[in-house]
């Protein structure tokens, strides 16, 4: 299978551009989590079977899953079969019931700010070329998510209001602008960062001390 190089894109564009290739390699699904901290992740998405996601969350398997625990302690990539941590709760065996038999996990960052990506198949181990491609994509994706781009003063005005627990309409009233103008400022910022939520913008502005 041939993989083409992906140009520098926004995080959203990079994800969309590569989704077909990711889904082809991870035929049974993928999981991606970006910049998880004590406040939670900035972005999280999974295409694993919904029944497995529900079982995983309800039973707090993230505290027992050897692959996920490896990703918190290490950076880099590993096939699931290469991770030798104990699995007393049988998380990996339970995952097999949903077709998640072979897989790989990728990790980047620090324990206080961690990004994790995994894919799964039901028929075979991932090849070295597939792992190399996914590792490169994951590196570019996290970099795109963390790319620093300054907000405009007008955008920061709206974001400060949202950080103060105002709605967009309330922010517009507070700034003496129309609601459509406030929404347009937010959309411009979301498009620039390649994200879908205003909460991500607020969190980014807070982290970079552009608002308080």
Foldseek 3Di string as FASTA:
>chain_A
DDDDDDDQDFLQCLCVVCVVVQCVQQVQKKWKFFFQAPVGTLDIDIPHPPVLVVVCVVVVCCVQQQQNVVQQVDAAKDKSVPRDDDRVVCSQVVSVVRLQNIKMKGWDDHNRTIIIMMGGGNPDYGDPVSSVVVNVSVVSSNCSLPPDDDQDPLLVQQLQVVVVVDDLCVSCVVVVHHSVVSVVSQVVVCVVNVHDDSVSVSVVCVVVVVHD
